[in-house]
PDB file of all heavy atoms in Angstrom:
ATOM      1  N   THR A   1      51.785-162.826-113.173  1.00  0.00           N
ATOM      2  CA  THR A   1      50.672-163.045-112.203  1.00  0.00           C
ATOM      3  C   THR A   1      49.388-162.433-112.794  1.00  0.00           C
ATOM      4  O   THR A   1      49.387-162.150-113.934  1.00  0.00           O
ATOM      5  CB  THR A   1      51.076-162.194-110.884  1.00  0.00           C
ATOM      6  OG1 THR A   1      50.102-162.579-109.794  1.00  0.00           O
ATOM      7  CG2 THR A   1      50.977-160.710-110.995  1.00  0.00           C
ATOM      8  N   ASN A   2      48.378-162.349-111.932  1.00  0.00           N
ATOM      9  CA  ASN A   2      47.107-161.864-112.471  1.00  0.00           C
ATOM     10  C   ASN A   2      46.545-160.790-111.310  1.00  0.00           C
ATOM     11  O   ASN A   2      46.668-161.098-110.133  1.00  0.00           O
ATOM     12  CB  ASN A   2      46.115-163.059-112.529  1.00  0.00           C
ATOM     13  CG  ASN A   2      44.890-162.590-113.447  1.00  0.00           C
ATOM     14  OD1 ASN A   2      44.187-161.738-113.118  1.00  0.00           O
ATOM     15  ND2 ASN A   2      44.664-163.442-114.560  1.00  0.00           N
ATOM     16  N   ALA A   3      46.129-159.659-111.837  1.00  0.00           N
ATOM     17  CA  ALA A   3      45.777-158.576-110.930  1.00  0.00           C
ATOM     18  C   ALA A   3      44.403-158.700-110.405  1.00  0.00           C
ATOM     19  O   ALA A   3      43.611-157.810-110.462  1.00  0.00           O
ATOM     20  CB  ALA A   3      45.893-157.202-111.625  1.00  0.00           C
ATOM     21  N   LYS A   4      44.114-159.832-109.840  1.00  0.00           N
ATOM     22  CA  LYS A   4      42.990-160.176-109.171  1.00  0.00           C
ATOM     23  C   LYS A   4      42.956-159.960-107.637  1.00  0.00           C
ATOM     24  O   LYS A   4      44.009-159.924-107.068  1.00  0.00           O
ATOM     25  CB  LYS A   4      42.446-161.586-109.454  1.00  0.00           C
ATOM     26  CG  LYS A   4      42.082-161.807-110.943  1.00  0.00           C
ATOM     27  CD  LYS A   4      41.398-163.137-110.963  1.00  0.00           C
ATOM     28  CE  LYS A   4      40.991-163.566-112.557  1.00  0.00           C
ATOM     29  NZ  LYS A   4      39.958-162.613-112.917  1.00  0.00           N
ATOM     30  N   SER A   5      41.851-159.791-107.031  1.00  0.00           N
ATOM     31  CA  SER A   5      41.799-159.863-105.541  1.00  0.00           C
ATOM     32  C   SER A   5      42.248-161.198-105.040  1.00  0.00           C
ATOM     33  O   SER A   5      42.123-162.200-105.749  1.00  0.00           O
ATOM     34  CB  SER A   5      40.418-159.519-105.030  1.00  0.00           C
ATOM     35  OG  SER A   5      39.560-160.550-105.256  1.00  0.00           O
ATOM     36  N   THR A   6      42.766-161.276-103.812  1.00  0.00           N
ATOM     37  CA  THR A   6      43.108-162.673-103.235  1.00  0.00           C
ATOM     38  C   THR A   6      42.027-163.597-103.379  1.00  0.00           C
ATOM     39  O   THR A   6      42.278-164.777-103.732  1.00  0.00           O
ATOM     40  CB  THR A   6      43.568-162.454-101.781  1.00  0.00           C
ATOM     41  OG1 THR A   6      44.718-161.516-101.752  1.00  0.00           O
ATOM     42  CG2 THR A   6      44.126-163.681-101.251  1.00  0.00           C
ATOM     43  N   GLU A   7      40.815-163.164-103.071  1.00  0.00           N
ATOM     44  CA  GLU A   7      39.624-164.039-103.049  1.00  0.00           C
ATOM     45  C   GLU A   7      39.338-164.693-104.549  1.00  0.00           C
ATOM     46  O   GLU A   7      39.071-165.828-104.737  1.00  0.00           O
ATOM     47  CB  GLU A   7      38.409-163.436-102.477  1.00  0.00           C
ATOM     48  CG  GLU A   7      38.515-163.110-100.980  1.00  0.00           C
ATOM     49  CD  GLU A   7      39.442-161.933-100.630  1.00  0.00           C
ATOM     50  OE1 GLU A   7      39.701-161.132-101.602  1.00  0.00           O
ATOM     51  OE2 GLU A   7      39.945-161.988 -99.536  1.00  0.00           O
ATOM     52  N   ASP A   8      39.476-163.627-105.509  1.00  0.00           N
ATOM     53  CA  ASP A   8      39.269-164.130-106.910  1.00  0.00           C
ATOM     54  C   ASP A   8      40.286-165.014-107.268  1.00  0.00           C
ATOM     55  O   ASP A   8      40.038-166.075-108.101  1.00  0.00           O
ATOM     56  CB  ASP A   8      39.171-162.973-107.741  1.00  0.00           C
ATOM     57  CG  ASP A   8      37.762-162.249-107.573  1.00  0.00           C
ATOM     58  OD1 ASP A   8      36.791-162.793-107.097  1.00  0.00           O
ATOM     59  OD2 ASP A   8      37.721-161.108-108.049  1.00  0.00           O
ATOM     60  N   PHE A   9      41.598-164.738-106.896  1.00  0.00           N
ATOM     61  CA  PHE A   9      42.698-165.469-107.402  1.00  0.00           C
ATOM     62  C   PHE A   9      42.454-166.899-106.764  1.00  0.00           C
ATOM     63  O   PHE A   9      42.704-168.031-107.529  1.00  0.00           O
ATOM     64  CB  PHE A   9      43.944-164.929-106.819  1.00  0.00           C
ATOM     65  CG  PHE A   9      45.263-165.511-107.283  1.00  0.00           C
ATOM     66  CD1 PHE A   9      45.967-165.074-108.449  1.00  0.00           C
ATOM     67  CD2 PHE A   9      45.887-166.700-106.563  1.00  0.00           C
ATOM     68  CE1 PHE A   9      47.036-165.594-108.827  1.00  0.00           C
ATOM     69  CE2 PHE A   9      46.922-167.318-107.122  1.00  0.00           C
ATOM     70  CZ  PHE A   9      47.565-166.847-108.200  1.00  0.00           C
ATOM     71  N   LEU A  10      42.087-167.103-105.474  1.00  0.00           N
ATOM     72  CA  LEU A  10      42.049-168.297-104.775  1.00  0.00           C
ATOM     73  C   LEU A  10      40.955-169.198-105.376  1.00  0.00           C
ATOM     74  O   LEU A  10      41.111-170.453-105.477  1.00  0.00           O
ATOM     75  CB  LEU A  10      41.729-168.228-103.410  1.00  0.00           C
ATOM     76  CG  LEU A  10      43.067-167.799-102.497  1.00  0.00           C
ATOM     77  CD1 LEU A  10      42.607-167.397-101.166  1.00  0.00           C
ATOM     78  CD2 LEU A  10      44.005-168.923-102.442  1.00  0.00           C
ATOM     79  N   ALA A  11      40.008-168.629-106.009  1.00  0.00           N
ATOM     80  CA  ALA A  11      38.869-169.316-106.610  1.00  0.00           C
ATOM     81  C   ALA A  11      39.339-170.159-107.875  1.00  0.00           C
ATOM     82  O   ALA A  11      38.723-171.108-108.421  1.00  0.00           O
ATOM     83  CB  ALA A  11      37.701-168.417-107.170  1.00  0.00           C
ATOM     84  N   HIS A  12      40.480-169.811-108.391  1.00  0.00           N
ATOM     85  CA  HIS A  12      41.048-170.465-109.509  1.00  0.00           C
ATOM     86  C   HIS A  12      42.043-171.631-109.227  1.00  0.00           C
ATOM     87  O   HIS A  12      42.605-172.269-110.154  1.00  0.00           O
ATOM     88  CB  HIS A  12      41.841-169.558-110.518  1.00  0.00           C
ATOM     89  CG  HIS A  12      40.936-168.595-111.203  1.00  0.00           C
ATOM     90  ND1 HIS A  12      40.335-167.482-110.616  1.00  0.00           N
ATOM     91  CD2 HIS A  12      40.479-168.627-112.470  1.00  0.00           C
ATOM     92  CE1 HIS A  12      39.540-166.857-111.578  1.00  0.00           C
ATOM     93  NE2 HIS A  12      39.524-167.438-112.558  1.00  0.00           N
ATOM     94  N   LEU A  13      42.258-171.889-107.933  1.00  0.00           N
ATOM     95  CA  LEU A  13      43.181-172.838-107.423  1.00  0.00           C
ATOM     96  C   LEU A  13      42.525-174.104-107.042  1.00  0.00           C
ATOM     97  O   LEU A  13      41.368-174.051-106.680  1.00  0.00           O
ATOM     98  CB  LEU A  13      44.103-172.344-106.324  1.00  0.00           C
ATOM     99  CG  LEU A  13      44.922-171.180-106.752  1.00  0.00           C
ATOM    100  CD1 LEU A  13      45.811-170.807-105.422  1.00  0.00           C
ATOM    101  CD2 LEU A  13      45.802-171.293-107.853  1.00  0.00           C
ATOM    102  N   SER A  14      43.121-175.316-107.095  1.00  0.00           N
ATOM    103  CA  SER A  14      42.457-176.489-106.973  1.00  0.00           C
ATOM    104  C   SER A  14      42.318-176.959-105.523  1.00  0.00           C
ATOM    105  O   SER A  14      41.628-177.854-105.293  1.00  0.00           O
ATOM    106  CB  SER A  14      43.111-177.616-107.732  1.00  0.00           C
ATOM    107  OG  SER A  14      44.497-177.816-107.329  1.00  0.00           O
ATOM    108  N   THR A  15      43.036-176.417-104.702  1.00  0.00           N
ATOM    109  CA  THR A  15      43.066-176.914-103.282  1.00  0.00           C
ATOM    110  C   THR A  15      43.129-175.735-102.282  1.00  0.00           C
ATOM    111  O   THR A  15      43.772-174.783-102.378  1.00  0.00           O
ATOM    112  CB  THR A  15      44.272-177.718-102.953  1.00  0.00           C
ATOM    113  OG1 THR A  15      44.369-178.158-101.563  1.00  0.00           O
ATOM    114  CG2 THR A  15      45.550-177.027-103.361  1.00  0.00           C
ATOM    115  N   PRO A  16      42.238-175.854-101.176  1.00  0.00           N
ATOM    116  CA  PRO A  16      42.191-174.827-100.130  1.00  0.00           C
ATOM    117  C   PRO A  16      43.532-174.705 -99.334  1.00  0.00           C
ATOM    118  O   PRO A  16      43.622-173.748 -98.679  1.00  0.00           O
ATOM    119  CB  PRO A  16      41.008-175.295 -99.203  1.00  0.00           C
ATOM    120  CG  PRO A  16      40.316-176.190-100.010  1.00  0.00           C
ATOM    121  CD  PRO A  16      41.305-176.959-100.949  1.00  0.00           C
ATOM    122  N   ALA A  17      44.295-175.718 -99.364  1.00  0.00           N
ATOM    123  CA  ALA A  17      45.619-175.782 -98.584  1.00  0.00           C
ATOM    124  C   ALA A  17      46.523-174.599 -98.914  1.00  0.00           C
ATOM    125  O   ALA A  17      47.264-174.183 -98.147  1.00  0.00           O
ATOM    126  CB  ALA A  17      46.236-177.072 -98.667  1.00  0.00           C
ATOM    127  N   LEU A  18      46.301-174.097-100.159  1.00  0.00           N
ATOM    128  CA  LEU A  18      47.131-172.982-100.638  1.00  0.00           C
ATOM    129  C   LEU A  18      46.674-171.515-100.258  1.00  0.00           C
ATOM    130  O   LEU A  18      47.408-170.705-100.257  1.00  0.00           O
ATOM    131  CB  LEU A  18      47.087-172.992-102.211  1.00  0.00           C
ATOM    132  CG  LEU A  18      47.842-174.205-102.898  1.00  0.00           C
ATOM    133  CD1 LEU A  18      47.420-174.234-104.422  1.00  0.00           C
ATOM    134  CD2 LEU A  18      49.339-174.263-102.690  1.00  0.00           C
ATOM    135  N   ALA A  19      45.520-171.581 -99.609  1.00  0.00           N
ATOM    136  CA  ALA A  19      44.896-170.180 -99.255  1.00  0.00           C
ATOM    137  C   ALA A  19      45.862-169.410 -98.272  1.00  0.00           C
ATOM    138  O   ALA A  19      46.149-168.335 -98.515  1.00  0.00           O
ATOM    139  CB  ALA A  19      43.565-170.356 -98.648  1.00  0.00           C
ATOM    140  N   PRO A  20      46.402-170.020 -97.145  1.00  0.00           N
ATOM    141  CA  PRO A  20      47.302-169.300 -96.293  1.00  0.00           C
ATOM    142  C   PRO A  20      48.431-168.667 -96.919  1.00  0.00           C
ATOM    143  O   PRO A  20      48.903-167.503 -96.607  1.00  0.00           O
ATOM    144  CB  PRO A  20      47.548-170.303 -95.210  1.00  0.00           C
ATOM    145  CG  PRO A  20      46.541-171.299 -95.235  1.00  0.00           C
ATOM    146  CD  PRO A  20      46.170-171.370 -96.742  1.00  0.00           C
ATOM    147  N   MET A  21      48.997-169.440 -97.894  1.00  0.00           N
ATOM    148  CA  MET A  21      50.130-169.021 -98.519  1.00  0.00           C
ATOM    149  C   MET A  21      49.994-167.810 -99.551  1.00  0.00           C
ATOM    150  O   MET A  21      50.738-166.902 -99.515  1.00  0.00           O
ATOM    151  CB  MET A  21      50.861-170.127 -99.394  1.00  0.00           C
ATOM    152  CG  MET A  21      51.028-171.337 -98.459  1.00  0.00           C
ATOM    153  SD  MET A  21      51.429-172.859 -99.231  1.00  0.00           S
ATOM    154  CE  MET A  21      50.829-174.097 -98.024  1.00  0.00           C
ATOM    155  N   ILE A  22      48.789-167.902-100.289  1.00  0.00           N
ATOM    156  CA  ILE A  22      48.483-166.828-101.235  1.00  0.00           C
ATOM    157  C   ILE A  22      48.033-165.574-100.416  1.00  0.00           C
ATOM    158  O   ILE A  22      48.387-164.478-100.878  1.00  0.00           O
ATOM    159  CB  ILE A  22      47.348-167.252-102.132  1.00  0.00           C
ATOM    160  CG1 ILE A  22      47.836-168.602-102.959  1.00  0.00           C
ATOM    161  CG2 ILE A  22      46.866-166.219-103.044  1.00  0.00           C
ATOM    162  CD1 ILE A  22      48.975-168.175-103.954  1.00  0.00           C
ATOM    163  N   LYS A  23      47.574-165.698 -99.349  1.00  0.00           N
ATOM    164  CA  LYS A  23      47.200-164.583 -98.554  1.00  0.00           C
ATOM    165  C   LYS A  23      48.396-163.895 -97.993  1.00  0.00           C
ATOM    166  O   LYS A  23      48.339-162.657 -97.858  1.00  0.00           O
ATOM    167  CB  LYS A  23      46.252-164.990 -97.459  1.00  0.00           C
ATOM    168  CG  LYS A  23      44.866-165.419 -97.819  1.00  0.00           C
ATOM    169  CD  LYS A  23      43.980-165.829 -96.659  1.00  0.00           C
ATOM    170  CE  LYS A  23      42.530-166.271 -97.086  1.00  0.00           C
ATOM    171  NZ  LYS A  23      41.646-166.812 -96.042  1.00  0.00           N
ATOM    172  N   VAL A  24      49.476-164.551 -97.737  1.00  0.00           N
ATOM    173  CA  VAL A  24      50.735-163.970 -97.370  1.00  0.00           C
ATOM    174  C   VAL A  24      51.462-163.452 -98.478  1.00  0.00           C
ATOM    175  O   VAL A  24      52.182-162.305 -98.607  1.00  0.00           O
ATOM    176  CB  VAL A  24      51.608-164.891 -96.632  1.00  0.00           C
ATOM    177  CG1 VAL A  24      52.968-164.382 -96.471  1.00  0.00           C
ATOM    178  CG2 VAL A  24      50.961-165.287 -95.306  1.00  0.00           C
ATOM    179  N   PHE A  25      51.557-164.162 -99.638  1.00  0.00           N
ATOM    180  CA  PHE A  25      52.232-163.748-100.871  1.00  0.00           C
ATOM    181  C   PHE A  25      51.453-164.029-102.146  1.00  0.00           C
ATOM    182  O   PHE A  25      51.497-165.162-102.586  1.00  0.00           O
ATOM    183  CB  PHE A  25      53.607-164.551-100.835  1.00  0.00           C
ATOM    184  CG  PHE A  25      54.617-163.875-101.866  1.00  0.00           C
ATOM    185  CD1 PHE A  25      55.537-162.953-101.457  1.00  0.00           C
ATOM    186  CD2 PHE A  25      54.617-164.403-103.189  1.00  0.00           C
ATOM    187  CE1 PHE A  25      56.344-162.455-102.430  1.00  0.00           C
ATOM    188  CE2 PHE A  25      55.617-163.743-104.099  1.00  0.00           C
ATOM    189  CZ  PHE A  25      56.566-162.841-103.658  1.00  0.00           C
ATOM    190  N   GLY A  26      50.739-163.040-102.600  1.00  0.00           N
ATOM    191  CA  GLY A  26      49.756-163.341-103.644  1.00  0.00           C
ATOM    192  C   GLY A  26      50.172-162.273-104.775  1.00  0.00           C
ATOM    193  O   GLY A  26      51.300-161.866-104.885  1.00  0.00           O
ATOM    194  N   PRO A  27      49.169-161.940-105.619  1.00  0.00           N
ATOM    195  CA  PRO A  27      49.516-161.147-106.827  1.00  0.00           C
ATOM    196  C   PRO A  27      50.159-159.874-106.462  1.00  0.00           C
ATOM    197  O   PRO A  27      51.132-159.391-107.221  1.00  0.00           O
ATOM    198  CB  PRO A  27      48.153-160.980-107.434  1.00  0.00           C
ATOM    199  CG  PRO A  27      47.242-162.144-107.035  1.00  0.00           C
ATOM    200  CD  PRO A  27      47.790-162.384-105.654  1.00  0.00           C
ATOM    201  N   ALA A  28      49.681-159.083-105.548  1.00  0.00           N
ATOM    202  CA  ALA A  28      50.456-157.772-105.184  1.00  0.00           C
ATOM    203  C   ALA A  28      51.775-157.974-104.743  1.00  0.00           C
ATOM    204  O   ALA A  28      52.658-157.233-105.206  1.00  0.00           O
ATOM    205  CB  ALA A  28      49.621-157.119-103.997  1.00  0.00           C
ATOM    206  N   GLU A  29      52.019-158.976-103.982  1.00  0.00           N
ATOM    207  CA  GLU A  29      53.463-159.268-103.601  1.00  0.00           C
ATOM    208  C   GLU A  29      54.438-159.656-104.668  1.00  0.00           C
ATOM    209  O   GLU A  29      55.568-159.352-104.715  1.00  0.00           O
ATOM    210  CB  GLU A  29      53.387-160.365-102.411  1.00  0.00           C
ATOM    211  CG  GLU A  29      52.933-159.802-101.120  1.00  0.00           C
ATOM    212  CD  GLU A  29      51.403-159.644-101.132  1.00  0.00           C
ATOM    213  OE1 GLU A  29      50.699-160.386-101.909  1.00  0.00           O
ATOM    214  OE2 GLU A  29      50.793-158.918-100.273  1.00  0.00           O
ATOM    215  N   VAL A  30      53.876-160.534-105.621  1.00  0.00           N
ATOM    216  CA  VAL A  30      54.613-160.704-106.808  1.00  0.00           C
ATOM    217  C   VAL A  30      54.972-159.591-107.579  1.00  0.00           C
ATOM    218  O   VAL A  30      56.139-159.425-107.992  1.00  0.00           O
ATOM    219  CB  VAL A  30      53.764-161.745-107.718  1.00  0.00           C
ATOM    220  CG1 VAL A  30      54.556-161.995-108.977  1.00  0.00           C
ATOM    221  CG2 VAL A  30      53.574-163.161-106.976  1.00  0.00           C
ATOM    222  N   GLN A  31      54.010-158.709-107.713  1.00  0.00           N
ATOM    223  CA  GLN A  31      54.302-157.380-108.544  1.00  0.00           C
ATOM    224  C   GLN A  31      55.364-156.587-107.755  1.00  0.00           C
ATOM    225  O   GLN A  31      56.276-155.996-108.284  1.00  0.00           O
ATOM    226  CB  GLN A  31      53.050-156.686-108.635  1.00  0.00           C
ATOM    227  CG  GLN A  31      52.077-157.261-109.560  1.00  0.00           C
ATOM    228  CD  GLN A  31      50.805-156.544-109.820  1.00  0.00           C
ATOM    229  OE1 GLN A  31      50.739-155.462-110.389  1.00  0.00           O
ATOM    230  NE2 GLN A  31      49.639-157.228-109.247  1.00  0.00           N
ATOM    231  N   ASN A  32      55.367-156.566-106.392  1.00  0.00           N
ATOM    232  CA  ASN A  32      56.405-155.947-105.591  1.00  0.00           C
ATOM    233  C   ASN A  32      57.725-156.594-105.786  1.00  0.00           C
ATOM    234  O   ASN A  32      58.740-155.869-105.892  1.00  0.00           O
ATOM    235  CB  ASN A  32      55.866-155.834-104.160  1.00  0.00           C
ATOM    236  CG  ASN A  32      54.712-154.954-103.913  1.00  0.00           C
ATOM    237  OD1 ASN A  32      54.369-154.126-104.591  1.00  0.00           O
ATOM    238  ND2 ASN A  32      53.981-155.234-102.689  1.00  0.00           N
ATOM    239  N   LEU A  33      57.702-157.938-105.801  1.00  0.00           N
ATOM    240  CA  LEU A  33      59.062-158.676-106.017  1.00  0.00           C
ATOM    241  C   LEU A  33      59.570-158.165-107.299  1.00  0.00           C
ATOM    242  O   LEU A  33      60.895-157.842-107.371  1.00  0.00           O
ATOM    243  CB  LEU A  33      58.705-160.072-106.042  1.00  0.00           C
ATOM    244  CG  LEU A  33      59.879-160.959-106.459  1.00  0.00           C
ATOM    245  CD1 LEU A  33      60.997-160.892-105.377  1.00  0.00           C
ATOM    246  CD2 LEU A  33      59.488-162.437-106.703  1.00  0.00           C
ATOM    247  N   CYS A  34      58.830-158.147-108.421  1.00  0.00           N
ATOM    248  CA  CYS A  34      59.414-157.766-109.598  1.00  0.00           C
ATOM    249  C   CYS A  34      59.881-156.422-109.711  1.00  0.00           C
ATOM    250  O   CYS A  34      60.933-155.879-110.229  1.00  0.00           O
ATOM    251  CB  CYS A  34      58.380-158.067-110.733  1.00  0.00           C
ATOM    252  SG  CYS A  34      57.923-159.706-110.865  1.00  0.00           S
ATOM    253  N   SER A  35      59.082-155.421-109.166  1.00  0.00           N
ATOM    254  CA  SER A  35      59.424-153.983-109.130  1.00  0.00           C
ATOM    255  C   SER A  35      60.722-153.903-108.317  1.00  0.00           C
ATOM    256  O   SER A  35      61.589-153.036-108.725  1.00  0.00           O
ATOM    257  CB  SER A  35      58.368-153.207-108.439  1.00  0.00           C
ATOM    258  OG  SER A  35      57.123-153.263-109.200  1.00  0.00           O
ATOM    259  N   GLY A  36      60.835-154.543-107.251  1.00  0.00           N
ATOM    260  CA  GLY A  36      62.081-154.456-106.439  1.00  0.00           C
ATOM    261  C   GLY A  36      63.308-154.971-107.055  1.00  0.00           C
ATOM    262  O   GLY A  36      64.451-154.694-106.730  1.00  0.00           O
ATOM    263  N   LEU A  37      63.062-155.773-108.150  1.00  0.00           N
ATOM    264  CA  LEU A  37      64.281-156.278-108.989  1.00  0.00           C
ATOM    265  C   LEU A  37      64.373-155.424-110.169  1.00  0.00           C
ATOM    266  O   LEU A  37      65.042-155.869-111.201  1.00  0.00           O
ATOM    267  CB  LEU A  37      63.918-157.756-109.336  1.00  0.00           C
ATOM    268  CG  LEU A  37      64.048-158.834-108.157  1.00  0.00           C
ATOM    269  CD1 LEU A  37      63.590-160.139-108.592  1.00  0.00           C
ATOM    270  CD2 LEU A  37      65.569-158.907-107.660  1.00  0.00           C
ATOM    271  N   GLY A  38      63.689-154.291-110.288  1.00  0.00           N
ATOM    272  CA  GLY A  38      63.918-153.324-111.335  1.00  0.00           C
ATOM    273  C   GLY A  38      63.077-153.641-112.642  1.00  0.00           C
ATOM    274  O   GLY A  38      63.419-153.083-113.689  1.00  0.00           O
ATOM    275  N   GLN A  39      62.075-154.468-112.467  1.00  0.00           N
ATOM    276  CA  GLN A  39      61.312-154.835-113.622  1.00  0.00           C
ATOM    277  C   GLN A  39      59.975-154.059-113.692  1.00  0.00           C
ATOM    278  O   GLN A  39      59.118-154.246-112.742  1.00  0.00           O
ATOM    279  CB  GLN A  39      61.083-156.270-113.787  1.00  0.00           C
ATOM    280  CG  GLN A  39      62.284-157.181-113.647  1.00  0.00           C
ATOM    281  CD  GLN A  39      63.373-156.743-114.702  1.00  0.00           C
ATOM    282  OE1 GLN A  39      62.989-156.844-115.803  1.00  0.00           O
ATOM    283  NE2 GLN A  39      64.448-156.411-114.285  1.00  0.00           N
ATOM    284  N   GLU A  40      59.824-153.254-114.688  1.00  0.00           N
ATOM    285  CA  GLU A  40      58.541-152.467-114.826  1.00  0.00           C
ATOM    286  C   GLU A  40      57.502-153.493-115.304  1.00  0.00           C
ATOM    287  O   GLU A  40      57.799-154.224-116.235  1.00  0.00           O
ATOM    288  CB  GLU A  40      58.739-151.394-115.773  1.00  0.00           C
ATOM    289  CG  GLU A  40      57.556-150.449-115.882  1.00  0.00           C
ATOM    290  CD  GLU A  40      57.785-149.226-116.924  1.00  0.00           C
ATOM    291  OE1 GLU A  40      58.852-149.132-117.306  1.00  0.00           O
ATOM    292  OE2 GLU A  40      56.785-148.556-117.205  1.00  0.00           O
ATOM    293  N   LEU A  41      56.264-153.229-114.958  1.00  0.00           N
ATOM    294  CA  LEU A  41      55.154-154.189-115.202  1.00  0.00           C
ATOM    295  C   LEU A  41      54.078-153.497-115.953  1.00  0.00           C
ATOM    296  O   LEU A  41      53.927-152.227-115.809  1.00  0.00           O
ATOM    297  CB  LEU A  41      54.636-155.013-114.036  1.00  0.00           C
ATOM    298  CG  LEU A  41      55.707-155.807-113.167  1.00  0.00           C
ATOM    299  CD1 LEU A  41      55.068-156.208-111.774  1.00  0.00           C
ATOM    300  CD2 LEU A  41      56.311-156.901-113.935  1.00  0.00           C
ATOM    301  N   PHE A  42      53.200-154.185-116.545  1.00  0.00           N
ATOM    302  CA  PHE A  42      51.965-153.638-117.009  1.00  0.00           C
ATOM    303  C   PHE A  42      50.841-154.777-116.963  1.00  0.00           C
ATOM    304  O   PHE A  42      51.046-156.001-116.914  1.00  0.00           O
ATOM    305  CB  PHE A  42      52.061-153.154-118.461  1.00  0.00           C
ATOM    306  CG  PHE A  42      52.143-154.126-119.591  1.00  0.00           C
ATOM    307  CD1 PHE A  42      50.978-154.714-120.171  1.00  0.00           C
ATOM    308  CD2 PHE A  42      53.266-154.786-119.921  1.00  0.00           C
ATOM    309  CE1 PHE A  42      50.985-155.645-121.087  1.00  0.00           C
ATOM    310  CE2 PHE A  42      53.410-155.768-120.893  1.00  0.00           C
ATOM    311  CZ  PHE A  42      52.238-156.219-121.450  1.00  0.00           C
ATOM    312  N   THR A  43      49.593-154.222-116.913  1.00  0.00           N
ATOM    313  CA  THR A  43      48.476-155.196-116.852  1.00  0.00           C
ATOM    314  C   THR A  43      47.674-155.100-118.027  1.00  0.00           C
ATOM    315  O   THR A  43      47.292-154.008-118.425  1.00  0.00           O
ATOM    316  CB  THR A  43      47.616-154.810-115.547  1.00  0.00           C
ATOM    317  OG1 THR A  43      48.320-154.739-114.299  1.00  0.00           O
ATOM    318  CG2 THR A  43      46.437-155.705-115.454  1.00  0.00           C
ATOM    319  N   GLY A  44      47.320-156.310-118.696  1.00  0.00           N
ATOM    320  CA  GLY A  44      46.696-156.275-119.823  1.00  0.00           C
ATOM    321  C   GLY A  44      45.134-156.269-119.609  1.00  0.00           C
ATOM    322  O   GLY A  44      44.741-156.260-118.430  1.00  0.00           O
TER     323      GLY A  44
END
């Protein structure tokens, strides 16, 4: 994923229809998913 705010993340997507989905499950939630599966992460 990318550690951007939801708004900055959405600016990189091609269609507004994805916005409701990213607002529910975006970069922070992806990181939580990985952490919950025992995977340590780092941000470049």
